[in-house]
Amino acid sequence: MANKLAITLVHSTIGRPENQRNTAFALGLRKLQQTVVREDTPIIRGMVARIQHLVKVENVEGE
């Protein structure tokens, strides 16, 4: 059973560099306070690290 991450966009991407906006978009974050659940992989962890100042991350147990 793989763990998952609940990623919530808590700060706006307006005025942020393009690579940060693109990373949020690639994670599926389009609106403030939107939460997406993604597999806990090194790729996703790297994307979250790139925009860690814009998001809140919580561990979710896999089903």
PDB file of N, CA and C in Angstrom:
ATOM      1  N   MET A   1       0.830  -1.179   0.000  1.00  0.00           N
ATOM      2  CA  MET A   1       0.000   0.000   0.000  1.00  0.00           C
ATOM      3  C   MET A   1       0.881   1.251   0.000  1.00  0.00           C
ATOM      4  N   ALA A   2       0.764   2.012  -1.047  1.00  0.00           N
ATOM      5  CA  ALA A   2       1.581   3.220  -1.165  1.00  0.00           C
ATOM      6  C   ALA A   2       0.910   4.380  -0.446  1.00  0.00           C
ATOM      7  N   ASN A   3       1.736   5.205   0.175  1.00  0.00           N
ATOM      8  CA  ASN A   3       1.203   6.409   0.803  1.00  0.00           C
ATOM      9  C   ASN A   3       0.902   7.437  -0.259  1.00  0.00           C
ATOM     10  N   LYS A   4       0.037   8.355   0.093  1.00  0.00           N
ATOM     11  CA  LYS A   4      -0.332   9.429  -0.816  1.00  0.00           C
ATOM     12  C   LYS A   4      -0.137  10.756  -0.102  1.00  0.00           C
ATOM     13  N   LEU A   5      -0.061  11.820  -0.888  1.00  0.00           N
ATOM     14  CA  LEU A   5       0.081  13.169  -0.359  1.00  0.00           C
ATOM     15  C   LEU A   5      -1.144  13.984  -0.742  1.00  0.00           C
ATOM     16  N   ALA A   6      -1.714  14.684   0.219  1.00  0.00           N
ATOM     17  CA  ALA A   6      -2.780  15.647  -0.049  1.00  0.00           C
ATOM     18  C   ALA A   6      -2.100  17.008  -0.136  1.00  0.00           C
ATOM     19  N   ILE A   7      -2.143  17.625  -1.306  1.00  0.00           N
ATOM     20  CA  ILE A   7      -1.451  18.877  -1.561  1.00  0.00           C
ATOM     21  C   ILE A   7      -2.498  19.964  -1.766  1.00  0.00           C
ATOM     22  N   THR A   8      -2.420  21.031  -0.963  1.00  0.00           N
ATOM     23  CA  THR A   8      -3.383  22.122  -1.007  1.00  0.00           C
ATOM     24  C   THR A   8      -2.673  23.414  -1.371  1.00  0.00           C
ATOM     25  N   LEU A   9      -3.198  24.128  -2.352  1.00  0.00           N
ATOM     26  CA  LEU A   9      -2.647  25.425  -2.747  1.00  0.00           C
ATOM     27  C   LEU A   9      -3.168  26.481  -1.780  1.00  0.00           C
ATOM     28  N   VAL A  10      -2.277  27.080  -0.973  1.00  0.00           N
ATOM     29  CA  VAL A  10      -2.703  28.045   0.039  1.00  0.00           C
ATOM     30  C   VAL A  10      -2.281  29.473  -0.280  1.00  0.00           C
ATOM     31  N   HIS A  11      -1.392  29.654  -1.249  1.00  0.00           N
ATOM     32  CA  HIS A  11      -0.979  30.985  -1.688  1.00  0.00           C
ATOM     33  C   HIS A  11      -1.111  31.072  -3.199  1.00  0.00           C
ATOM     34  N   SER A  12      -1.430  32.243  -3.685  1.00  0.00           N
ATOM     35  CA  SER A  12      -1.660  32.448  -5.099  1.00  0.00           C
ATOM     36  C   SER A  12      -0.368  32.329  -5.905  1.00  0.00           C
ATOM     37  N   THR A  13      -0.510  31.925  -7.161  1.00  0.00           N
ATOM     38  CA  THR A  13       0.638  31.864  -8.063  1.00  0.00           C
ATOM     39  C   THR A  13       0.784  33.153  -8.864  1.00  0.00           C
ATOM     40  N   ILE A  14      -0.100  34.114  -8.637  1.00  0.00           N
ATOM     41  CA  ILE A  14      -0.006  35.394  -9.342  1.00  0.00           C
ATOM     42  C   ILE A  14       1.284  36.099  -8.927  1.00  0.00           C
ATOM     43  N   GLY A  15       2.026  36.558  -9.899  1.00  0.00           N
ATOM     44  CA  GLY A  15       3.265  37.264  -9.630  1.00  0.00           C
ATOM     45  C   GLY A  15       4.448  36.351  -9.360  1.00  0.00           C
ATOM     46  N   ARG A  16       4.247  35.056  -9.417  1.00  0.00           N
ATOM     47  CA  ARG A  16       5.331  34.092  -9.195  1.00  0.00           C
ATOM     48  C   ARG A  16       6.014  33.786 -10.525  1.00  0.00           C
ATOM     49  N   PRO A  17       7.252  33.305 -10.471  1.00  0.00           N
ATOM     50  CA  PRO A  17       7.941  32.933 -11.715  1.00  0.00           C
ATOM     51  C   PRO A  17       7.176  31.860 -12.480  1.00  0.00           C
ATOM     52  N   GLU A  18       7.364  31.844 -13.762  1.00  0.00           N
ATOM     53  CA  GLU A  18       6.615  30.929 -14.630  1.00  0.00           C
ATOM     54  C   GLU A  18       6.831  29.468 -14.248  1.00  0.00           C
ATOM     55  N   ASN A  19       8.061  29.098 -13.857  1.00  0.00           N
ATOM     56  CA  ASN A  19       8.295  27.688 -13.516  1.00  0.00           C
ATOM     57  C   ASN A  19       7.487  27.269 -12.287  1.00  0.00           C
ATOM     58  N   GLN A  20       7.259  28.176 -11.342  1.00  0.00           N
ATOM     59  CA  GLN A  20       6.448  27.847 -10.170  1.00  0.00           C
ATOM     60  C   GLN A  20       4.977  27.713 -10.552  1.00  0.00           C
ATOM     61  N   ARG A  21       4.495  28.597 -11.420  1.00  0.00           N
ATOM     62  CA  ARG A  21       3.106  28.495 -11.885  1.00  0.00           C
ATOM     63  C   ARG A  21       2.900  27.188 -12.651  1.00  0.00           C
ATOM     64  N   ASN A  22       3.856  26.839 -13.501  1.00  0.00           N
ATOM     65  CA  ASN A  22       3.747  25.609 -14.285  1.00  0.00           C
ATOM     66  C   ASN A  22       3.778  24.369 -13.393  1.00  0.00           C
ATOM     67  N   THR A  23       4.581  24.408 -12.335  1.00  0.00           N
ATOM     68  CA  THR A  23       4.654  23.276 -11.414  1.00  0.00           C
ATOM     69  C   THR A  23       3.326  23.076 -10.700  1.00  0.00           C
ATOM     70  N   ALA A  24       2.718  24.167 -10.222  1.00  0.00           N
ATOM     71  CA  ALA A  24       1.416  24.064  -9.561  1.00  0.00           C
ATOM     72  C   ALA A  24       0.383  23.514 -10.537  1.00  0.00           C
ATOM     73  N   PHE A  25       0.409  23.989 -11.762  1.00  0.00           N
ATOM     74  CA  PHE A  25      -0.532  23.522 -12.780  1.00  0.00           C
ATOM     75  C   PHE A  25      -0.323  22.032 -13.066  1.00  0.00           C
ATOM     76  N   ALA A  26       0.942  21.601 -13.143  1.00  0.00           N
ATOM     77  CA  ALA A  26       1.248  20.194 -13.419  1.00  0.00           C
ATOM     78  C   ALA A  26       0.776  19.281 -12.287  1.00  0.00           C
ATOM     79  N   LEU A  27       0.768  19.797 -11.064  1.00  0.00           N
ATOM     80  CA  LEU A  27       0.259  19.017  -9.943  1.00  0.00           C
ATOM     81  C   LEU A  27      -1.261  18.949  -9.942  1.00  0.00           C
ATOM     82  N   GLY A  28      -1.908  19.793 -10.748  1.00  0.00           N
ATOM     83  CA  GLY A  28      -3.358  19.801 -10.827  1.00  0.00           C
ATOM     84  C   GLY A  28      -3.987  20.885  -9.982  1.00  0.00           C
ATOM     85  N   LEU A  29      -3.154  21.810  -9.489  1.00  0.00           N
ATOM     86  CA  LEU A  29      -3.657  22.886  -8.641  1.00  0.00           C
ATOM     87  C   LEU A  29      -4.013  24.081  -9.510  1.00  0.00           C
ATOM     88  N   ARG A  30      -5.289  24.410  -9.579  1.00  0.00           N
ATOM     89  CA  ARG A  30      -5.758  25.496 -10.433  1.00  0.00           C
ATOM     90  C   ARG A  30      -6.289  26.682  -9.624  1.00  0.00           C
ATOM     91  N   LYS A  31      -6.888  26.388  -8.437  1.00  0.00           N
ATOM     92  CA  LYS A  31      -7.538  27.430  -7.638  1.00  0.00           C
ATOM     93  C   LYS A  31      -7.001  27.405  -6.210  1.00  0.00           C
ATOM     94  N   LEU A  32      -7.102  28.528  -5.535  1.00  0.00           N
ATOM     95  CA  LEU A  32      -6.721  28.588  -4.126  1.00  0.00           C
ATOM     96  C   LEU A  32      -7.590  27.639  -3.316  1.00  0.00           C
ATOM     97  N   GLN A  33      -6.983  27.045  -2.308  1.00  0.00           N
ATOM     98  CA  GLN A  33      -7.638  26.102  -1.390  1.00  0.00           C
ATOM     99  C   GLN A  33      -8.044  24.804  -2.068  1.00  0.00           C
ATOM    100  N   GLN A  34      -7.623  24.589  -3.303  1.00  0.00           N
ATOM    101  CA  GLN A  34      -7.910  23.321  -3.980  1.00  0.00           C
ATOM    102  C   GLN A  34      -6.939  22.271  -3.466  1.00  0.00           C
ATOM    103  N   THR A  35      -7.434  21.080  -3.217  1.00  0.00           N
ATOM    104  CA  THR A  35      -6.604  19.982  -2.738  1.00  0.00           C
ATOM    105  C   THR A  35      -6.617  18.854  -3.761  1.00  0.00           C
ATOM    106  N   VAL A  36      -5.430  18.325  -4.040  1.00  0.00           N
ATOM    107  CA  VAL A  36      -5.303  17.164  -4.911  1.00  0.00           C
ATOM    108  C   VAL A  36      -4.569  16.074  -4.130  1.00  0.00           C
ATOM    109  N   VAL A  37      -4.844  14.830  -4.465  1.00  0.00           N
ATOM    110  CA  VAL A  37      -4.162  13.704  -3.832  1.00  0.00           C
ATOM    111  C   VAL A  37      -3.305  13.033  -4.892  1.00  0.00           C
ATOM    112  N   ARG A  38      -2.026  12.903  -4.587  1.00  0.00           N
ATOM    113  CA  ARG A  38      -1.065  12.313  -5.521  1.00  0.00           C
ATOM    114  C   ARG A  38      -0.265  11.230  -4.800  1.00  0.00           C
ATOM    115  N   GLU A  39       0.254  10.279  -5.567  1.00  0.00           N
ATOM    116  CA  GLU A  39       1.137   9.247  -5.021  1.00  0.00           C
ATOM    117  C   GLU A  39       2.384   9.903  -4.437  1.00  0.00           C
ATOM    118  N   ASP A  40       2.919   9.328  -3.367  1.00  0.00           N
ATOM    119  CA  ASP A  40       4.134   9.841  -2.737  1.00  0.00           C
ATOM    120  C   ASP A  40       5.342   9.248  -3.453  1.00  0.00           C
ATOM    121  N   THR A  41       5.782   9.929  -4.518  1.00  0.00           N
ATOM    122  CA  THR A  41       6.936   9.493  -5.299  1.00  0.00           C
ATOM    123  C   THR A  41       8.007  10.580  -5.257  1.00  0.00           C
ATOM    124  N   PRO A  42       9.242  10.247  -5.583  1.00  0.00           N
ATOM    125  CA  PRO A  42      10.295  11.271  -5.610  1.00  0.00           C
ATOM    126  C   PRO A  42      10.002  12.406  -6.587  1.00  0.00           C
ATOM    127  N   ILE A  43       9.334  12.110  -7.681  1.00  0.00           N
ATOM    128  CA  ILE A  43       9.005  13.152  -8.659  1.00  0.00           C
ATOM    129  C   ILE A  43       8.022  14.151  -8.058  1.00  0.00           C
ATOM    130  N   ILE A  44       6.977  13.654  -7.420  1.00  0.00           N
ATOM    131  CA  ILE A  44       5.992  14.533  -6.799  1.00  0.00           C
ATOM    132  C   ILE A  44       6.631  15.304  -5.651  1.00  0.00           C
ATOM    133  N   ARG A  45       7.471  14.644  -4.857  1.00  0.00           N
ATOM    134  CA  ARG A  45       8.167  15.323  -3.758  1.00  0.00           C
ATOM    135  C   ARG A  45       9.026  16.473  -4.281  1.00  0.00           C
ATOM    136  N   GLY A  46       9.693  16.265  -5.422  1.00  0.00           N
ATOM    137  CA  GLY A  46      10.513  17.316  -6.016  1.00  0.00           C
ATOM    138  C   GLY A  46       9.673  18.489  -6.485  1.00  0.00           C
ATOM    139  N   MET A  47       8.503  18.192  -7.060  1.00  0.00           N
ATOM    140  CA  MET A  47       7.615  19.263  -7.503  1.00  0.00           C
ATOM    141  C   MET A  47       7.102  20.058  -6.309  1.00  0.00           C
ATOM    142  N   VAL A  48       6.759  19.356  -5.224  1.00  0.00           N
ATOM    143  CA  VAL A  48       6.281  20.027  -4.020  1.00  0.00           C
ATOM    144  C   VAL A  48       7.401  20.889  -3.420  1.00  0.00           C
ATOM    145  N   ALA A  49       8.618  20.387  -3.431  1.00  0.00           N
ATOM    146  CA  ALA A  49       9.745  21.148  -2.883  1.00  0.00           C
ATOM    147  C   ALA A  49       9.961  22.444  -3.647  1.00  0.00           C
ATOM    148  N   ARG A  50       9.694  22.423  -4.931  1.00  0.00           N
ATOM    149  CA  ARG A  50       9.882  23.609  -5.773  1.00  0.00           C
ATOM    150  C   ARG A  50       8.893  24.721  -5.412  1.00  0.00           C
ATOM    151  N   ILE A  51       7.694  24.331  -4.948  1.00  0.00           N
ATOM    152  CA  ILE A  51       6.680  25.342  -4.599  1.00  0.00           C
ATOM    153  C   ILE A  51       6.236  25.193  -3.142  1.00  0.00           C
ATOM    154  N   GLN A  52       7.147  24.776  -2.274  1.00  0.00           N
ATOM    155  CA  GLN A  52       6.788  24.508  -0.879  1.00  0.00           C
ATOM    156  C   GLN A  52       6.245  25.732  -0.149  1.00  0.00           C
ATOM    157  N   HIS A  53       6.590  26.925  -0.601  1.00  0.00           N
ATOM    158  CA  HIS A  53       6.105  28.149   0.032  1.00  0.00           C
ATOM    159  C   HIS A  53       4.678  28.500  -0.394  1.00  0.00           C
ATOM    160  N   LEU A  54       4.135  27.759  -1.361  1.00  0.00           N
ATOM    161  CA  LEU A  54       2.785  28.029  -1.864  1.00  0.00           C
ATOM    162  C   LEU A  54       1.767  26.971  -1.443  1.00  0.00           C
ATOM    163  N   VAL A  55       2.249  25.835  -0.942  1.00  0.00           N
ATOM    164  CA  VAL A  55       1.355  24.708  -0.686  1.00  0.00           C
ATOM    165  C   VAL A  55       1.460  24.204   0.753  1.00  0.00           C
ATOM    166  N   LYS A  56       0.431  23.432   1.138  1.00  0.00           N
ATOM    167  CA  LYS A  56       0.430  22.701   2.399  1.00  0.00           C
ATOM    168  C   LYS A  56       0.317  21.234   2.028  1.00  0.00           C
ATOM    169  N   VAL A  57       1.145  20.391   2.647  1.00  0.00           N
ATOM    170  CA  VAL A  57       1.193  18.974   2.302  1.00  0.00           C
ATOM    171  C   VAL A  57       0.882  18.137   3.533  1.00  0.00           C
ATOM    172  N   GLU A  58       0.020  17.132   3.346  1.00  0.00           N
ATOM    173  CA  GLU A  58      -0.336  16.209   4.419  1.00  0.00           C
ATOM    174  C   GLU A  58      -0.225  14.786   3.883  1.00  0.00           C
ATOM    175  N   ASN A  59       0.206  13.877   4.737  1.00  0.00           N
ATOM    176  CA  ASN A  59       0.262  12.460   4.379  1.00  0.00           C
ATOM    177  C   ASN A  59      -1.132  11.860   4.480  1.00  0.00           C
ATOM    178  N   VAL A  60      -1.459  10.997   3.511  1.00  0.00           N
ATOM    179  CA  VAL A  60      -2.736  10.285   3.495  1.00  0.00           C
ATOM    180  C   VAL A  60      -2.397   8.811   3.345  1.00  0.00           C
ATOM    181  N   GLU A  61      -2.979   7.985   4.187  1.00  0.00           N
ATOM    182  CA  GLU A  61      -2.745   6.555   4.103  1.00  0.00           C
ATOM    183  C   GLU A  61      -3.344   5.994   2.820  1.00  0.00           C
ATOM    184  N   GLY A  62      -2.610   5.111   2.137  1.00  0.00           N
ATOM    185  CA  GLY A  62      -3.097   4.489   0.910  1.00  0.00           C
ATOM    186  C   GLY A  62      -4.219   3.531   1.210  1.00  0.00           C
ATOM    187  N   GLU A  63      -5.067   3.296   0.210  1.00  0.00           N
ATOM    188  CA  GLU A  63      -6.211   2.413   0.400  1.00  0.00           C
ATOM    189  C   GLU A  63      -5.882   1.010   0.015  1.00  0.00           C
TER     190      GLU A  63
END
